[in-house]
Amino acid sequence: MGCKVGEKIIRWDSTKYTTHQMSLEIYGYLCNKKSRSISYFENEIKKLISNGPPSKKQLGYIKCDCLNKSEIKGVCKLGACVEIRTNGWTVSINIEAGTSNP
């Protein structure tokens, strides 16, 4: 499942998706070598959301290096970059250009 880093970044955010909807759509793209369930990924996202956004000091130390050519500040979970903000969240992942949802 997943693990290929492509050039196209696709995003899901809290203004349009619930964590469950996002998890269902992103699951086939995840780098999931241990075959973890959708609920594992969704619960990891919910934990990050409940912890709240990182402080300005913490933001200085984090970068979503799971995204190709990205300066996005977030946490990588199974190859997806999770950004937590005071007003919501965004989950981003790289895919090959022209790839459709598996």
Protein backbone atom coordinates (compact mmCIF):
# COMPACT_ATOMS: atom_id res chain seq x y z
CA MET A 1 0.00 0.00 0.00
CA GLY A 2 1.20 3.50 -0.82
CA CYS A 3 4.79 4.54 -0.06
CA LYS A 4 5.54 6.09 -3.46
CA VAL A 5 6.39 9.76 -3.24
CA GLY A 6 5.05 11.56 -6.27
CA GLU A 7 5.04 15.15 -7.37
CA LYS A 8 1.34 15.92 -6.83
CA ILE A 9 0.11 16.85 -3.34
CA ILE A 10 -3.52 16.21 -2.48
CA ARG A 11 -5.14 17.59 0.68
CA TRP A 12 -8.07 16.98 2.96
CA ASP A 13 -9.09 19.59 5.52
CA SER A 14 -11.52 19.99 8.37
CA THR A 15 -13.63 22.54 6.50
CA LYS A 16 -14.76 19.87 4.02
CA TYR A 17 -14.15 16.48 5.67
CA THR A 18 -14.60 14.64 8.93
CA THR A 19 -11.62 12.62 10.13
CA HIS A 20 -13.54 9.47 9.16
CA GLN A 21 -14.27 10.64 5.60
CA MET A 22 -10.64 11.70 5.16
CA SER A 23 -9.36 8.38 6.52
CA LEU A 24 -11.53 6.40 4.10
CA GLU A 25 -10.32 8.41 1.10
CA ILE A 26 -6.63 8.58 2.01
CA TYR A 27 -6.20 4.98 3.22
CA GLY A 28 -5.16 3.55 -0.16
CA TYR A 29 -2.42 6.17 -0.51
CA LEU A 30 -0.82 5.60 2.90
CA CYS A 31 2.59 4.03 3.40
CA ASN A 32 1.17 1.19 5.45
CA LYS A 33 3.85 -1.52 5.53
CA LYS A 34 2.48 -3.00 8.75
CA SER A 35 -1.08 -3.22 7.35
CA ARG A 36 -2.58 -1.08 10.09
CA SER A 37 -6.31 -0.53 9.99
CA ILE A 38 -8.12 2.62 8.94
CA SER A 39 -9.14 3.13 12.56
CA TYR A 40 -5.45 3.15 13.63
CA PHE A 41 -4.74 6.04 11.25
CA GLU A 42 -7.92 7.91 12.20
CA ASN A 43 -7.15 7.53 15.92
CA GLU A 44 -3.61 8.87 15.38
CA ILE A 45 -5.08 11.94 13.66
CA LYS A 46 -7.61 12.43 16.48
CA LYS A 47 -4.79 12.27 19.06
CA LEU A 48 -2.89 15.01 17.23
CA ILE A 49 -6.07 17.12 17.03
CA SER A 50 -6.77 16.68 20.76
CA ASN A 51 -3.19 17.78 21.56
CA GLY A 52 -3.86 21.03 19.72
CA PRO A 53 -1.59 23.00 17.43
CA PRO A 54 2.15 23.07 18.09
CA SER A 55 3.62 26.12 19.79
CA LYS A 56 5.68 28.63 17.81
CA LYS A 57 8.80 27.12 19.38
CA GLN A 58 7.78 23.57 18.36
CA LEU A 59 7.02 24.76 14.81
CA GLY A 60 10.65 25.78 14.51
CA TYR A 61 11.69 22.14 14.91
CA ILE A 62 9.17 20.30 12.75
CA LYS A 63 8.80 19.92 9.01
CA CYS A 64 6.69 17.44 7.09
CA ASP A 65 9.55 15.59 5.45
CA CYS A 66 7.15 12.86 4.32
CA LEU A 67 5.95 15.29 1.62
CA ASN A 68 8.12 15.75 -1.42
CA LYS A 69 9.53 19.30 -1.72
CA SER A 70 7.42 20.61 1.16
CA GLU A 71 7.97 23.33 3.71
CA ILE A 72 4.72 22.46 5.47
CA LYS A 73 4.97 22.31 9.25
CA GLY A 74 3.30 19.14 10.48
CA VAL A 75 3.68 15.57 11.71
CA CYS A 76 4.07 12.55 9.43
CA LYS A 77 1.73 9.61 10.00
CA LEU A 78 2.03 6.65 7.60
CA GLY A 79 3.42 8.96 4.92
CA ALA A 80 0.74 11.63 5.29
CA CYS A 81 1.52 15.08 6.65
CA VAL A 82 -0.84 16.22 9.42
CA GLU A 83 -1.06 19.94 10.15
CA ILE A 84 -2.98 20.98 13.26
CA ARG A 85 -4.11 24.59 13.48
CA THR A 86 -6.20 26.49 16.02
CA ASN A 87 -9.09 26.50 13.53
CA GLY A 88 -8.83 22.95 12.18
CA TRP A 89 -6.57 20.41 10.50
CA THR A 90 -5.20 19.50 7.08
CA VAL A 91 -3.86 16.13 5.96
CA SER A 92 -1.71 16.06 2.82
CA ILE A 93 -0.04 13.28 0.85
CA ASN A 94 2.08 13.01 -2.27
CA ILE A 95 0.84 10.94 -5.19
CA GLU A 96 2.07 10.27 -8.69
CA ALA A 97 0.61 12.75 -11.17
CA GLY A 98 -2.43 11.20 -12.87
CA THR A 99 -3.08 8.74 -10.02
CA SER A 100 -6.69 8.29 -9.00
CA ASN A 101 -7.94 7.16 -5.61
CA PRO A 102 -7.16 3.42 -5.25
